[in-house]
């Protein structure tokens, strides 16, 4: 696999990342510390290339788990 193909697939993966988290309050992205850690990590690794979906029902995430 060439370097450009590897970069291209990493970019495609990054644009498809949707992080399902508990809703925020008090000016924070989420009220859950694990969710906050995941948001901060993604912001460091792939800044601006992911979306955050807030919900209070874990069933809305693809695997039924929120973090």
Protein backbone atom coordinates (compact mmCIF):
# COMPACT_ATOMS: atom_id res chain seq x y z
CA UNK A 1 0.00 0.00 0.00
CA UNK A 2 1.42 3.40 -0.92
CA UNK A 3 1.73 6.29 1.52
CA UNK A 4 -0.90 8.31 -0.33
CA UNK A 5 -3.39 5.42 -0.24
CA UNK A 6 -2.77 5.01 3.48
CA UNK A 7 -3.30 8.73 4.10
CA UNK A 8 -6.44 8.70 1.96
CA UNK A 9 -8.00 5.82 3.89
CA UNK A 10 -7.13 7.46 7.21
CA UNK A 11 -8.78 10.69 6.04
CA UNK A 12 -11.89 8.81 4.93
CA UNK A 13 -12.09 7.03 8.27
CA UNK A 14 -11.67 10.30 10.15
CA UNK A 15 -14.52 11.99 8.29
CA UNK A 16 -16.87 9.13 9.15
CA UNK A 17 -16.25 9.18 12.92
CA UNK A 18 -19.38 9.92 14.95
CA UNK A 19 -18.95 10.03 18.71
CA UNK A 20 -22.14 9.34 20.66
CA UNK A 21 -22.03 11.04 24.07
CA UNK A 22 -24.25 12.01 26.98
CA UNK A 23 -25.51 15.61 26.62
CA UNK A 24 -23.57 18.44 28.21
CA UNK A 25 -24.41 20.91 30.92
CA UNK A 26 -22.59 23.67 32.79
CA UNK A 27 -20.84 24.71 29.56
CA UNK A 28 -19.22 21.29 29.02
CA UNK A 29 -19.56 19.05 25.97
CA UNK A 30 -20.85 16.22 28.20
CA UNK A 31 -21.62 15.52 31.85
CA UNK A 32 -19.77 12.19 31.69
CA UNK A 33 -15.98 12.22 32.30
CA UNK A 34 -15.40 9.32 29.89
CA UNK A 35 -17.26 11.15 27.13
CA UNK A 36 -15.23 14.30 27.79
CA UNK A 37 -12.00 12.30 27.57
CA UNK A 38 -13.09 10.77 24.24
CA UNK A 39 -13.97 14.20 22.80
CA UNK A 40 -10.63 15.65 23.90
CA UNK A 41 -8.71 12.67 22.51
CA UNK A 42 -10.40 12.89 19.11
CA UNK A 43 -9.80 16.64 19.05
CA UNK A 44 -6.08 15.99 19.54
CA UNK A 45 -5.83 13.09 17.07
CA UNK A 46 -8.20 14.17 14.28
CA UNK A 47 -9.14 17.80 15.03
CA UNK A 48 -12.35 18.88 13.34
CA UNK A 49 -12.75 15.60 11.42
CA UNK A 50 -15.40 14.00 13.61
CA UNK A 51 -18.91 14.77 14.71
CA UNK A 52 -20.46 14.57 18.15
CA UNK A 53 -23.98 13.21 18.54
CA UNK A 54 -25.62 13.90 21.90
CA UNK A 55 -28.37 11.61 23.13
CA UNK A 56 -29.72 10.15 26.35
CA UNK A 57 -30.54 6.75 24.88
CA UNK A 58 -27.62 4.33 24.33
CA UNK A 59 -29.70 2.51 21.71
CA UNK A 60 -29.00 5.36 19.27
CA UNK A 61 -25.30 4.49 19.09
CA UNK A 62 -24.33 1.71 16.65
CA UNK A 63 -23.19 -0.73 19.35
CA UNK A 64 -25.52 0.37 22.16
CA UNK A 65 -22.68 1.86 24.19
CA UNK A 66 -21.98 5.53 24.68
CA UNK A 67 -18.53 7.04 25.18
